[in-house]
Amino acid sequence: MRGEQTPRLREALEEDIVSGRLRPGQRLDEAGLAERFGVSRTPIREALIQLSASGLIEMRPRRGAFVALLGPRALVESFELMAEIEASCARLAAQRLGPADRAAIIEAHVACQQAVAAGDDDAYYPANARFHGAIYTATGNRVLRAEATRLQTALQPYRRLQLKVPRRIATSLAEHEAILEALLAGEGAGAAERIRAHVLVQGERFMTLLAALQQEAQMAD
């Protein structure tokens, strides 16, 4: 029974982190989580250890588990890596795009458009993840897809914070449209260049993200 509980708990906590319900830097109380899910603390602890291995949770000696909070340098380096991985995905996807992949990417883009038109920021977050995920799938490379998905999950709380910046969602959608145009035209180099610029956080965008992270950390204390 306990072995069956752990995956369910891990998935529920991962969703809480990715969706922003649990904030970067927030402490995770094992007793409170056990009460919430109606289980003992043992499967909670096992789920937290598994999330620690994925990079979403940080286990601190004598202090417990915290939602991972990357420092400025680690944040920049992680987004640099994500940008290069996604550029590789876009380049391969443009070369290998099949009818099903084309339909999935367009469908995700339409969902993003509908969310923006409705002014529904909460709907844009999962649609945005679907758009990127559809590009990963279109590469036809299972190893690259798995690595891109792993890093996307680890950085999702930070990407979500980015989208809270005023007018960022509208800008993100415009960038998606440019990426989609290159993909459908089979322009691998162009798609790679556009998605790299879309993912990278530099200059004002980086400072804004840092300010948002500081606010989140203060709220989590």
N, C-alpha and C. Protein backbone atom coordinates (compact mmCIF):
# COMPACT_ATOMS: atom_id res chain seq x y z
N MET A 1 0.83 -1.20 0.00
CA MET A 1 0.00 0.00 0.00
C MET A 1 0.86 1.25 0.00
N ARG A 2 1.90 1.27 0.88
CA ARG A 2 2.75 2.45 0.98
C ARG A 2 3.47 2.71 -0.32
N GLY A 3 3.91 1.62 -0.99
CA GLY A 3 4.61 1.76 -2.26
C GLY A 3 3.71 2.35 -3.33
N GLU A 4 2.39 2.06 -3.22
CA GLU A 4 1.44 2.60 -4.19
C GLU A 4 1.15 4.07 -3.89
N GLN A 5 1.26 4.48 -2.63
CA GLN A 5 0.97 5.85 -2.25
C GLN A 5 2.03 6.83 -2.74
N THR A 6 3.29 6.42 -2.69
CA THR A 6 4.38 7.34 -2.97
C THR A 6 4.29 7.99 -4.35
N PRO A 7 4.07 7.24 -5.45
CA PRO A 7 3.96 7.90 -6.76
C PRO A 7 2.82 8.91 -6.82
N ARG A 8 1.69 8.56 -6.21
CA ARG A 8 0.55 9.47 -6.21
C ARG A 8 0.88 10.76 -5.47
N LEU A 9 1.53 10.63 -4.33
CA LEU A 9 1.90 11.80 -3.54
C LEU A 9 2.94 12.65 -4.27
N ARG A 10 3.91 11.97 -4.89
CA ARG A 10 4.95 12.70 -5.64
C ARG A 10 4.32 13.51 -6.77
N GLU A 11 3.39 12.90 -7.49
CA GLU A 11 2.75 13.59 -8.60
C GLU A 11 1.91 14.77 -8.11
N ALA A 12 1.23 14.60 -6.98
CA ALA A 12 0.41 15.68 -6.44
C ALA A 12 1.27 16.86 -5.99
N LEU A 13 2.38 16.56 -5.33
CA LEU A 13 3.28 17.62 -4.87
C LEU A 13 3.98 18.28 -6.05
N GLU A 14 4.35 17.50 -7.04
CA GLU A 14 4.98 18.07 -8.24
C GLU A 14 4.03 19.04 -8.91
N GLU A 15 2.76 18.66 -9.01
CA GLU A 15 1.77 19.53 -9.62
C GLU A 15 1.60 20.82 -8.81
N ASP A 16 1.64 20.71 -7.48
CA ASP A 16 1.52 21.90 -6.63
C ASP A 16 2.69 22.86 -6.86
N ILE A 17 3.88 22.31 -7.08
CA ILE A 17 5.07 23.14 -7.30
C ILE A 17 5.01 23.77 -8.69
N VAL A 18 4.73 22.95 -9.69
CA VAL A 18 4.71 23.44 -11.07
C VAL A 18 3.62 24.47 -11.28
N SER A 19 2.48 24.29 -10.61
CA SER A 19 1.35 25.21 -10.78
C SER A 19 1.52 26.50 -9.98
N GLY A 20 2.49 26.51 -9.05
CA GLY A 20 2.70 27.71 -8.25
C GLY A 20 1.99 27.70 -6.91
N ARG A 21 1.23 26.63 -6.62
CA ARG A 21 0.57 26.58 -5.32
C ARG A 21 1.59 26.45 -4.18
N LEU A 22 2.70 25.81 -4.47
CA LEU A 22 3.84 25.79 -3.54
C LEU A 22 4.94 26.64 -4.18
N ARG A 23 5.44 27.62 -3.45
CA ARG A 23 6.34 28.61 -4.04
C ARG A 23 7.80 28.25 -3.84
N PRO A 24 8.67 28.72 -4.74
CA PRO A 24 10.12 28.53 -4.54
C PRO A 24 10.56 29.06 -3.19
N GLY A 25 11.29 28.23 -2.43
CA GLY A 25 11.76 28.61 -1.10
C GLY A 25 10.83 28.23 0.03
N GLN A 26 9.62 27.76 -0.30
CA GLN A 26 8.64 27.43 0.75
C GLN A 26 9.00 26.12 1.44
N ARG A 27 8.89 26.11 2.78
CA ARG A 27 9.18 24.90 3.55
C ARG A 27 7.99 23.95 3.48
N LEU A 28 8.28 22.66 3.35
CA LEU A 28 7.25 21.64 3.27
C LEU A 28 7.19 20.87 4.58
N ASP A 29 6.10 21.00 5.27
CA ASP A 29 5.94 20.37 6.58
C ASP A 29 5.39 18.96 6.40
N GLU A 30 6.18 17.97 6.81
CA GLU A 30 5.78 16.57 6.61
C GLU A 30 4.48 16.25 7.35
N ALA A 31 4.37 16.72 8.58
CA ALA A 31 3.17 16.43 9.36
C ALA A 31 1.93 17.03 8.71
N GLY A 32 2.06 18.28 8.24
CA GLY A 32 0.93 18.94 7.59
C GLY A 32 0.54 18.25 6.30
N LEU A 33 1.53 17.82 5.52
CA LEU A 33 1.25 17.12 4.27
C LEU A 33 0.62 15.76 4.53
N ALA A 34 1.10 15.07 5.58
CA ALA A 34 0.53 13.77 5.92
C ALA A 34 -0.95 13.92 6.29
N GLU A 35 -1.26 14.97 7.03
CA GLU A 35 -2.66 15.21 7.42
C GLU A 35 -3.50 15.56 6.19
N ARG A 36 -2.95 16.37 5.32
CA ARG A 36 -3.67 16.78 4.11
C ARG A 36 -4.04 15.59 3.24
N PHE A 37 -3.08 14.66 3.05
CA PHE A 37 -3.32 13.53 2.16
C PHE A 37 -3.87 12.30 2.88
N GLY A 38 -3.97 12.36 4.20
CA GLY A 38 -4.51 11.24 4.95
C GLY A 38 -3.63 10.03 4.95
N VAL A 39 -2.31 10.25 5.05
CA VAL A 39 -1.34 9.15 5.07
C VAL A 39 -0.36 9.37 6.22
N SER A 40 0.51 8.38 6.44
CA SER A 40 1.55 8.55 7.44
C SER A 40 2.67 9.42 6.87
N ARG A 41 3.63 9.77 7.72
CA ARG A 41 4.72 10.63 7.26
C ARG A 41 5.73 9.87 6.39
N THR A 42 5.74 8.54 6.48
CA THR A 42 6.74 7.77 5.73
C THR A 42 6.59 7.92 4.21
N PRO A 43 5.39 7.71 3.63
CA PRO A 43 5.28 7.91 2.18
C PRO A 43 5.49 9.36 1.76
N ILE A 44 5.15 10.30 2.65
CA ILE A 44 5.42 11.72 2.36
C ILE A 44 6.92 11.93 2.23
N ARG A 45 7.66 11.38 3.19
CA ARG A 45 9.12 11.53 3.18
C ARG A 45 9.72 10.89 1.92
N GLU A 46 9.21 9.73 1.53
CA GLU A 46 9.70 9.05 0.34
C GLU A 46 9.42 9.88 -0.92
N ALA A 47 8.24 10.49 -0.99
CA ALA A 47 7.89 11.33 -2.13
C ALA A 47 8.79 12.56 -2.20
N LEU A 48 9.10 13.14 -1.04
CA LEU A 48 9.97 14.31 -1.00
C LEU A 48 11.39 13.96 -1.45
N ILE A 49 11.85 12.78 -1.06
CA ILE A 49 13.18 12.34 -1.48
C ILE A 49 13.23 12.17 -3.00
N GLN A 50 12.18 11.61 -3.57
CA GLN A 50 12.13 11.44 -5.02
C GLN A 50 12.10 12.79 -5.73
N LEU A 51 11.34 13.74 -5.18
CA LEU A 51 11.29 15.07 -5.78
C LEU A 51 12.62 15.78 -5.63
N SER A 52 13.36 15.48 -4.57
CA SER A 52 14.69 16.04 -4.39
C SER A 52 15.62 15.57 -5.50
N ALA A 53 15.49 14.31 -5.89
CA ALA A 53 16.33 13.77 -6.96
C ALA A 53 16.02 14.44 -8.30
N SER A 54 14.79 14.93 -8.48
CA SER A 54 14.41 15.60 -9.73
C SER A 54 14.78 17.07 -9.74
N GLY A 55 15.20 17.60 -8.58
CA GLY A 55 15.60 19.00 -8.50
C GLY A 55 14.50 19.95 -8.08
N LEU A 56 13.29 19.45 -7.86
CA LEU A 56 12.20 20.33 -7.46
C LEU A 56 12.22 20.65 -5.97
N ILE A 57 12.79 19.73 -5.18
CA ILE A 57 12.82 19.87 -3.72
C ILE A 57 14.28 19.88 -3.26
N GLU A 58 14.54 20.68 -2.24
CA GLU A 58 15.87 20.71 -1.62
C GLU A 58 15.75 20.20 -0.19
N MET A 59 16.50 19.17 0.15
CA MET A 59 16.51 18.62 1.50
C MET A 59 17.66 19.28 2.28
N ARG A 60 17.32 20.00 3.33
CA ARG A 60 18.33 20.70 4.11
C ARG A 60 18.51 20.01 5.46
N PRO A 61 19.75 19.64 5.82
CA PRO A 61 20.01 18.95 7.09
C PRO A 61 19.43 19.70 8.28
N ARG A 62 18.68 18.97 9.10
CA ARG A 62 18.09 19.49 10.34
C ARG A 62 17.05 20.59 10.13
N ARG A 63 16.73 20.87 8.87
CA ARG A 63 15.72 21.91 8.61
C ARG A 63 14.53 21.38 7.82
N GLY A 64 14.73 20.27 7.12
CA GLY A 64 13.62 19.67 6.40
C GLY A 64 13.66 19.92 4.91
N ALA A 65 12.49 19.82 4.28
CA ALA A 65 12.38 19.93 2.82
C ALA A 65 11.84 21.29 2.43
N PHE A 66 12.41 21.85 1.36
CA PHE A 66 11.98 23.14 0.84
C PHE A 66 11.82 23.04 -0.67
N VAL A 67 10.86 23.78 -1.20
CA VAL A 67 10.77 23.90 -2.65
C VAL A 67 12.05 24.57 -3.12
N ALA A 68 12.69 24.00 -4.13
CA ALA A 68 13.99 24.49 -4.59
C ALA A 68 13.92 25.97 -4.96
N LEU A 69 14.92 26.70 -4.53
CA LEU A 69 15.02 28.13 -4.85
C LEU A 69 16.42 28.36 -5.41
N LEU A 70 16.51 28.51 -6.73
CA LEU A 70 17.80 28.68 -7.37
C LEU A 70 18.36 30.09 -7.12
N GLY A 71 19.67 30.16 -6.91
CA GLY A 71 20.33 31.45 -6.81
C GLY A 71 20.49 32.06 -8.19
N PRO A 72 20.91 33.33 -8.26
CA PRO A 72 21.02 34.03 -9.55
C PRO A 72 21.88 33.30 -10.57
N ARG A 73 23.07 32.83 -10.15
CA ARG A 73 23.95 32.18 -11.12
C ARG A 73 23.35 30.87 -11.61
N ALA A 74 22.83 30.06 -10.69
CA ALA A 74 22.22 28.78 -11.08
C ALA A 74 21.01 29.01 -11.98
N LEU A 75 20.29 30.09 -11.72
CA LEU A 75 19.11 30.40 -12.52
C LEU A 75 19.51 30.73 -13.95
N VAL A 76 20.51 31.59 -14.09
CA VAL A 76 20.99 31.96 -15.42
C VAL A 76 21.50 30.72 -16.17
N GLU A 77 22.32 29.93 -15.49
CA GLU A 77 22.91 28.75 -16.13
C GLU A 77 21.83 27.74 -16.52
N SER A 78 20.82 27.59 -15.68
CA SER A 78 19.74 26.64 -15.98
C SER A 78 18.94 27.10 -17.20
N PHE A 79 18.65 28.39 -17.28
CA PHE A 79 17.91 28.89 -18.43
C PHE A 79 18.77 28.86 -19.70
N GLU A 80 20.07 29.06 -19.56
CA GLU A 80 20.95 28.93 -20.72
C GLU A 80 20.90 27.50 -21.26
N LEU A 81 20.96 26.53 -20.36
CA LEU A 81 20.89 25.13 -20.77
C LEU A 81 19.54 24.82 -21.40
N MET A 82 18.46 25.31 -20.78
CA MET A 82 17.12 25.08 -21.30
C MET A 82 16.99 25.66 -22.70
N ALA A 83 17.55 26.86 -22.90
CA ALA A 83 17.46 27.52 -24.21
C ALA A 83 18.17 26.70 -25.29
N GLU A 84 19.33 26.14 -24.94
CA GLU A 84 20.07 25.35 -25.92
C GLU A 84 19.37 24.03 -26.21
N ILE A 85 18.81 23.41 -25.18
CA ILE A 85 18.08 22.15 -25.38
C ILE A 85 16.85 22.40 -26.25
N GLU A 86 16.11 23.46 -25.96
CA GLU A 86 14.91 23.75 -26.75
C GLU A 86 15.28 24.14 -28.18
N ALA A 87 16.42 24.81 -28.36
CA ALA A 87 16.86 25.14 -29.72
C ALA A 87 17.13 23.85 -30.51
N SER A 88 17.75 22.88 -29.87
CA SER A 88 17.99 21.59 -30.52
C SER A 88 16.67 20.91 -30.85
N CYS A 89 15.72 20.99 -29.92
CA CYS A 89 14.40 20.39 -30.17
C CYS A 89 13.72 21.05 -31.37
N ALA A 90 13.75 22.38 -31.41
CA ALA A 90 13.08 23.09 -32.50
C ALA A 90 13.73 22.78 -33.85
N ARG A 91 15.06 22.70 -33.87
CA ARG A 91 15.76 22.40 -35.12
C ARG A 91 15.37 21.02 -35.65
N LEU A 92 15.38 20.01 -34.76
CA LEU A 92 15.01 18.66 -35.18
C LEU A 92 13.53 18.58 -35.55
N ALA A 93 12.69 19.24 -34.76
CA ALA A 93 11.25 19.19 -35.01
C ALA A 93 10.92 19.76 -36.39
N ALA A 94 11.59 20.85 -36.76
CA ALA A 94 11.35 21.47 -38.06
C ALA A 94 11.71 20.51 -39.19
N GLN A 95 12.72 19.70 -38.98
CA GLN A 95 13.18 18.75 -40.01
C GLN A 95 12.30 17.51 -40.08
N ARG A 96 11.68 17.15 -38.95
CA ARG A 96 10.99 15.86 -38.86
C ARG A 96 9.48 15.98 -38.65
N LEU A 97 8.96 17.17 -38.74
CA LEU A 97 7.56 17.42 -38.40
C LEU A 97 6.62 16.57 -39.25
N GLY A 98 5.84 15.71 -38.58
CA GLY A 98 4.84 14.90 -39.25
C GLY A 98 3.46 15.48 -39.03
N PRO A 99 2.44 14.93 -39.70
CA PRO A 99 1.08 15.47 -39.59
C PRO A 99 0.56 15.51 -38.15
N ALA A 100 0.80 14.45 -37.38
CA ALA A 100 0.30 14.41 -36.00
C ALA A 100 1.02 15.45 -35.13
N ASP A 101 2.32 15.58 -35.32
CA ASP A 101 3.08 16.57 -34.56
C ASP A 101 2.64 17.98 -34.93
N ARG A 102 2.47 18.21 -36.21
CA ARG A 102 2.02 19.52 -36.69
C ARG A 102 0.68 19.89 -36.04
N ALA A 103 -0.23 18.93 -36.02
CA ALA A 103 -1.56 19.18 -35.45
C ALA A 103 -1.46 19.46 -33.95
N ALA A 104 -0.60 18.71 -33.25
CA ALA A 104 -0.46 18.89 -31.79
C ALA A 104 0.11 20.26 -31.46
N ILE A 105 1.11 20.70 -32.21
CA ILE A 105 1.72 22.02 -31.95
C ILE A 105 0.72 23.13 -32.24
N ILE A 106 0.01 23.01 -33.35
CA ILE A 106 -0.99 24.03 -33.70
C ILE A 106 -2.10 24.07 -32.66
N GLU A 107 -2.56 22.90 -32.23
CA GLU A 107 -3.62 22.82 -31.23
C GLU A 107 -3.20 23.50 -29.93
N ALA A 108 -1.94 23.27 -29.50
CA ALA A 108 -1.45 23.91 -28.28
C ALA A 108 -1.34 25.41 -28.46
N HIS A 109 -0.93 25.84 -29.64
CA HIS A 109 -0.83 27.28 -29.91
C HIS A 109 -2.20 27.94 -29.88
N VAL A 110 -3.19 27.27 -30.45
CA VAL A 110 -4.56 27.79 -30.44
C VAL A 110 -5.06 27.92 -28.99
N ALA A 111 -4.72 26.94 -28.15
CA ALA A 111 -5.11 27.01 -26.73
C ALA A 111 -4.47 28.22 -26.06
N CYS A 112 -3.21 28.52 -26.42
CA CYS A 112 -2.55 29.72 -25.90
C CYS A 112 -3.28 30.97 -26.36
N GLN A 113 -3.66 31.02 -27.64
CA GLN A 113 -4.38 32.17 -28.18
C GLN A 113 -5.71 32.38 -27.46
N GLN A 114 -6.41 31.29 -27.23
CA GLN A 114 -7.71 31.38 -26.56
C GLN A 114 -7.57 31.88 -25.13
N ALA A 115 -6.52 31.43 -24.45
CA ALA A 115 -6.28 31.89 -23.08
C ALA A 115 -5.99 33.39 -23.04
N VAL A 116 -5.18 33.86 -23.98
CA VAL A 116 -4.86 35.29 -24.04
C VAL A 116 -6.11 36.09 -24.37
N ALA A 117 -6.90 35.62 -25.34
CA ALA A 117 -8.12 36.33 -25.74
C ALA A 117 -9.10 36.43 -24.58
N ALA A 118 -9.13 35.40 -23.74
CA ALA A 118 -10.04 35.38 -22.59
C ALA A 118 -9.46 36.09 -21.38
N GLY A 119 -8.20 36.50 -21.47
CA GLY A 119 -7.54 37.12 -20.32
C GLY A 119 -7.35 36.15 -19.18
N ASP A 120 -7.22 34.86 -19.51
CA ASP A 120 -7.12 33.81 -18.50
C ASP A 120 -5.65 33.37 -18.37
N ASP A 121 -4.93 34.03 -17.46
CA ASP A 121 -3.51 33.71 -17.27
C ASP A 121 -3.33 32.28 -16.79
N ASP A 122 -4.21 31.80 -15.92
CA ASP A 122 -4.08 30.45 -15.38
C ASP A 122 -4.20 29.39 -16.48
N ALA A 123 -4.99 29.67 -17.51
CA ALA A 123 -5.13 28.72 -18.61
C ALA A 123 -3.92 28.79 -19.54
N TYR A 124 -3.24 29.92 -19.57
CA TYR A 124 -2.10 30.07 -20.47
C TYR A 124 -0.93 29.20 -20.03
N TYR A 125 -0.73 29.06 -18.71
CA TYR A 125 0.42 28.31 -18.21
C TYR A 125 0.46 26.88 -18.73
N PRO A 126 -0.61 26.08 -18.56
CA PRO A 126 -0.56 24.70 -19.08
C PRO A 126 -0.53 24.65 -20.61
N ALA A 127 -1.20 25.61 -21.26
CA ALA A 127 -1.18 25.62 -22.73
C ALA A 127 0.23 25.91 -23.23
N ASN A 128 0.93 26.80 -22.56
CA ASN A 128 2.31 27.11 -22.90
C ASN A 128 3.19 25.87 -22.76
N ALA A 129 3.02 25.13 -21.66
CA ALA A 129 3.79 23.90 -21.45
C ALA A 129 3.47 22.87 -22.53
N ARG A 130 2.20 22.80 -22.94
CA ARG A 130 1.80 21.87 -24.00
C ARG A 130 2.48 22.23 -25.32
N PHE A 131 2.57 23.51 -25.61
CA PHE A 131 3.20 23.97 -26.85
C PHE A 131 4.66 23.52 -26.91
N HIS A 132 5.38 23.76 -25.82
CA HIS A 132 6.78 23.36 -25.78
C HIS A 132 6.90 21.83 -25.80
N GLY A 133 6.03 21.15 -25.05
CA GLY A 133 6.07 19.69 -25.00
C GLY A 133 5.80 19.06 -26.36
N ALA A 134 4.92 19.66 -27.14
CA ALA A 134 4.62 19.14 -28.47
C ALA A 134 5.84 19.26 -29.38
N ILE A 135 6.62 20.31 -29.18
CA ILE A 135 7.86 20.45 -29.96
C ILE A 135 8.86 19.38 -29.56
N TYR A 136 8.96 19.10 -28.25
CA TYR A 136 9.87 18.03 -27.80
C TYR A 136 9.51 16.70 -28.47
N THR A 137 8.21 16.40 -28.49
CA THR A 137 7.75 15.15 -29.06
C THR A 137 8.07 15.07 -30.56
N ALA A 138 7.95 16.21 -31.23
CA ALA A 138 8.15 16.25 -32.68
C ALA A 138 9.59 15.99 -33.09
N THR A 139 10.52 16.02 -32.14
CA THR A 139 11.92 15.74 -32.48
C THR A 139 12.11 14.29 -32.90
N GLY A 140 11.26 13.39 -32.40
CA GLY A 140 11.42 11.97 -32.66
C GLY A 140 12.60 11.37 -31.91
N ASN A 141 13.17 12.15 -31.00
CA ASN A 141 14.34 11.70 -30.22
C ASN A 141 13.89 11.54 -28.77
N ARG A 142 13.76 10.31 -28.32
CA ARG A 142 13.22 10.04 -26.99
C ARG A 142 14.14 10.55 -25.88
N VAL A 143 15.46 10.44 -26.08
CA VAL A 143 16.40 10.89 -25.06
C VAL A 143 16.34 12.41 -24.91
N LEU A 144 16.34 13.11 -26.03
CA LEU A 144 16.25 14.57 -26.00
C LEU A 144 14.92 15.03 -25.42
N ARG A 145 13.86 14.35 -25.81
CA ARG A 145 12.54 14.70 -25.27
C ARG A 145 12.50 14.53 -23.76
N ALA A 146 13.05 13.43 -23.26
CA ALA A 146 13.04 13.18 -21.81
C ALA A 146 13.84 14.24 -21.06
N GLU A 147 15.00 14.61 -21.60
CA GLU A 147 15.83 15.60 -20.93
C GLU A 147 15.17 16.98 -20.97
N ALA A 148 14.57 17.33 -22.09
CA ALA A 148 13.87 18.61 -22.19
C ALA A 148 12.69 18.66 -21.22
N THR A 149 11.96 17.56 -21.13
CA THR A 149 10.80 17.50 -20.22
C THR A 149 11.25 17.60 -18.77
N ARG A 150 12.34 16.92 -18.43
CA ARG A 150 12.85 16.96 -17.05
C ARG A 150 13.23 18.38 -16.66
N LEU A 151 13.96 19.06 -17.53
CA LEU A 151 14.39 20.41 -17.20
C LEU A 151 13.22 21.39 -17.22
N GLN A 152 12.29 21.19 -18.14
CA GLN A 152 11.11 22.05 -18.18
C GLN A 152 10.35 21.96 -16.86
N THR A 153 10.21 20.74 -16.34
CA THR A 153 9.51 20.55 -15.06
C THR A 153 10.24 21.25 -13.93
N ALA A 154 11.57 21.11 -13.89
CA ALA A 154 12.35 21.73 -12.83
C ALA A 154 12.28 23.25 -12.89
N LEU A 155 12.18 23.81 -14.09
CA LEU A 155 12.18 25.27 -14.24
C LEU A 155 10.77 25.85 -14.34
N GLN A 156 9.76 25.00 -14.35
CA GLN A 156 8.40 25.49 -14.54
C GLN A 156 7.98 26.54 -13.52
N PRO A 157 8.32 26.40 -12.24
CA PRO A 157 7.93 27.46 -11.30
C PRO A 157 8.51 28.82 -11.68
N TYR A 158 9.72 28.82 -12.24
CA TYR A 158 10.37 30.08 -12.62
C TYR A 158 9.80 30.61 -13.93
N ARG A 159 9.48 29.71 -14.84
CA ARG A 159 8.88 30.14 -16.10
C ARG A 159 7.49 30.71 -15.83
N ARG A 160 6.82 30.13 -14.85
CA ARG A 160 5.50 30.65 -14.48
C ARG A 160 5.61 32.05 -13.91
N LEU A 161 6.63 32.28 -13.08
CA LEU A 161 6.85 33.62 -12.53
C LEU A 161 7.14 34.63 -13.63
N GLN A 162 7.92 34.20 -14.63
CA GLN A 162 8.21 35.08 -15.77
C GLN A 162 6.92 35.58 -16.42
N LEU A 163 5.96 34.67 -16.54
CA LEU A 163 4.72 35.02 -17.24
C LEU A 163 3.83 35.95 -16.43
N LYS A 164 4.18 36.19 -15.15
CA LYS A 164 3.42 37.12 -14.34
C LYS A 164 3.81 38.57 -14.60
N VAL A 165 4.94 38.77 -15.29
CA VAL A 165 5.39 40.12 -15.61
C VAL A 165 4.38 40.77 -16.55
N PRO A 166 4.01 42.04 -16.31
CA PRO A 166 3.03 42.70 -17.18
C PRO A 166 3.40 42.60 -18.65
N ARG A 167 2.42 42.24 -19.46
CA ARG A 167 2.53 42.12 -20.93
C ARG A 167 3.41 40.96 -21.38
N ARG A 168 3.98 40.18 -20.44
CA ARG A 168 4.85 39.08 -20.85
C ARG A 168 4.08 37.99 -21.58
N ILE A 169 2.84 37.71 -21.17
CA ILE A 169 2.08 36.64 -21.82
C ILE A 169 1.79 37.01 -23.27
N ALA A 170 1.43 38.26 -23.52
CA ALA A 170 1.18 38.69 -24.89
C ALA A 170 2.45 38.58 -25.73
N THR A 171 3.58 38.95 -25.12
CA THR A 171 4.86 38.82 -25.83
C THR A 171 5.20 37.37 -26.08
N SER A 172 4.95 36.52 -25.10
CA SER A 172 5.20 35.09 -25.23
C SER A 172 4.41 34.51 -26.39
N LEU A 173 3.14 34.91 -26.50
CA LEU A 173 2.30 34.40 -27.58
C LEU A 173 2.84 34.83 -28.94
N ALA A 174 3.28 36.08 -29.05
CA ALA A 174 3.85 36.56 -30.31
C ALA A 174 5.11 35.77 -30.67
N GLU A 175 5.90 35.44 -29.66
CA GLU A 175 7.11 34.65 -29.89
C GLU A 175 6.74 33.23 -30.33
N HIS A 176 5.68 32.67 -29.74
CA HIS A 176 5.20 31.36 -30.16
C HIS A 176 4.82 31.38 -31.64
N GLU A 177 4.14 32.45 -32.05
CA GLU A 177 3.70 32.54 -33.45
C GLU A 177 4.90 32.54 -34.40
N ALA A 178 5.97 33.24 -34.01
CA ALA A 178 7.17 33.27 -34.85
C ALA A 178 7.85 31.90 -34.89
N ILE A 179 7.88 31.23 -33.74
CA ILE A 179 8.46 29.88 -33.67
C ILE A 179 7.64 28.92 -34.54
N LEU A 180 6.32 29.00 -34.42
CA LEU A 180 5.43 28.12 -35.18
C LEU A 180 5.61 28.34 -36.68
N GLU A 181 5.72 29.59 -37.08
CA GLU A 181 5.91 29.91 -38.50
C GLU A 181 7.17 29.24 -39.05
N ALA A 182 8.25 29.32 -38.30
CA ALA A 182 9.51 28.69 -38.73
C ALA A 182 9.38 27.18 -38.76
N LEU A 183 8.73 26.60 -37.76
CA LEU A 183 8.56 25.15 -37.71
C LEU A 183 7.78 24.65 -38.92
N LEU A 184 6.66 25.30 -39.21
CA LEU A 184 5.80 24.85 -40.31
C LEU A 184 6.47 25.04 -41.66
N ALA A 185 7.40 26.00 -41.73
CA ALA A 185 8.13 26.23 -42.98
C ALA A 185 9.34 25.31 -43.11
N GLY A 186 9.60 24.51 -42.06
CA GLY A 186 10.75 23.62 -42.09
C GLY A 186 12.08 24.32 -41.93
N GLU A 187 12.05 25.51 -41.35
CA GLU A 187 13.26 26.31 -41.16
C GLU A 187 13.88 25.99 -39.80
N GLY A 188 14.71 24.96 -39.77
CA GLY A 188 15.28 24.50 -38.51
C GLY A 188 16.13 25.54 -37.82
N ALA A 189 17.01 26.22 -38.55
CA ALA A 189 17.88 27.23 -37.95
C ALA A 189 17.07 28.40 -37.41
N GLY A 190 16.06 28.82 -38.16
CA GLY A 190 15.22 29.92 -37.71
C GLY A 190 14.40 29.56 -36.49
N ALA A 191 13.84 28.36 -36.47
CA ALA A 191 13.07 27.91 -35.31
C ALA A 191 13.94 27.83 -34.07
N ALA A 192 15.18 27.32 -34.26
CA ALA A 192 16.11 27.21 -33.13
C ALA A 192 16.46 28.58 -32.57
N GLU A 193 16.74 29.53 -33.46
CA GLU A 193 17.11 30.88 -33.03
C GLU A 193 15.96 31.55 -32.29
N ARG A 194 14.76 31.37 -32.78
CA ARG A 194 13.60 32.04 -32.17
C ARG A 194 13.24 31.44 -30.81
N ILE A 195 13.33 30.12 -30.70
CA ILE A 195 12.97 29.53 -29.41
C ILE A 195 14.06 29.76 -28.38
N ARG A 196 15.31 29.87 -28.82
CA ARG A 196 16.41 30.18 -27.90
C ARG A 196 16.18 31.57 -27.27
N ALA A 197 15.85 32.55 -28.10
CA ALA A 197 15.60 33.90 -27.61
C ALA A 197 14.35 33.93 -26.72
N HIS A 198 13.39 33.08 -27.04
CA HIS A 198 12.13 33.00 -26.28
C HIS A 198 12.37 32.50 -24.86
N VAL A 199 13.29 31.54 -24.71
CA VAL A 199 13.51 30.89 -23.41
C VAL A 199 14.51 31.66 -22.54
N LEU A 200 15.54 32.24 -23.14
CA LEU A 200 16.59 32.91 -22.36
C LEU A 200 16.03 34.05 -21.52
N VAL A 201 16.59 34.21 -20.32
CA VAL A 201 16.26 35.37 -19.48
C VAL A 201 17.51 36.22 -19.37
N GLN A 202 17.44 37.44 -19.89
CA GLN A 202 18.59 38.33 -19.89
C GLN A 202 18.13 39.74 -19.54
N GLY A 203 19.09 40.55 -19.12
CA GLY A 203 18.83 41.97 -18.92
C GLY A 203 17.65 42.25 -18.02
N GLU A 204 16.73 43.06 -18.52
CA GLU A 204 15.57 43.49 -17.73
C GLU A 204 14.69 42.30 -17.34
N ARG A 205 14.56 41.32 -18.24
CA ARG A 205 13.74 40.15 -17.93
C ARG A 205 14.31 39.39 -16.75
N PHE A 206 15.64 39.31 -16.68
CA PHE A 206 16.26 38.59 -15.58
C PHE A 206 16.08 39.35 -14.27
N MET A 207 16.26 40.65 -14.28
CA MET A 207 16.10 41.45 -13.07
C MET A 207 14.65 41.38 -12.57
N THR A 208 13.72 41.38 -13.50
CA THR A 208 12.31 41.28 -13.11
C THR A 208 12.02 39.93 -12.48
N LEU A 209 12.61 38.87 -13.05
CA LEU A 209 12.43 37.54 -12.48
C LEU A 209 13.03 37.45 -11.10
N LEU A 210 14.20 38.03 -10.89
CA LEU A 210 14.83 38.03 -9.57
C LEU A 210 13.95 38.75 -8.55
N ALA A 211 13.37 39.88 -8.95
CA ALA A 211 12.50 40.62 -8.04
C ALA A 211 11.27 39.80 -7.67
N ALA A 212 10.72 39.09 -8.66
CA ALA A 212 9.56 38.22 -8.39
C ALA A 212 9.93 37.09 -7.45
N LEU A 213 11.12 36.53 -7.63
CA LEU A 213 11.58 35.46 -6.75
C LEU A 213 11.75 35.95 -5.32
N GLN A 214 12.27 37.13 -5.16
CA GLN A 214 12.45 37.68 -3.81
C GLN A 214 11.10 37.86 -3.13
N GLN A 215 10.12 38.30 -3.88
CA GLN A 215 8.77 38.44 -3.32
C GLN A 215 8.20 37.09 -2.91
N GLU A 216 8.40 36.09 -3.77
CA GLU A 216 7.90 34.75 -3.46
C GLU A 216 8.58 34.19 -2.21
N ALA A 217 9.89 34.40 -2.09
CA ALA A 217 10.61 33.91 -0.93
C ALA A 217 10.13 34.57 0.35
N GLN A 218 9.83 35.87 0.28
CA GLN A 218 9.34 36.58 1.45
C GLN A 218 7.95 36.07 1.85
N MET A 219 7.13 35.77 0.86
CA MET A 219 5.79 35.23 1.14
C MET A 219 5.88 33.83 1.73
N ALA A 220 6.92 33.08 1.34
CA ALA A 220 7.07 31.69 1.81
C ALA A 220 7.60 31.63 3.23
N ASP A 221 8.28 32.69 3.69
CA ASP A 221 8.86 32.68 5.05
C ASP A 221 7.79 32.67 6.12
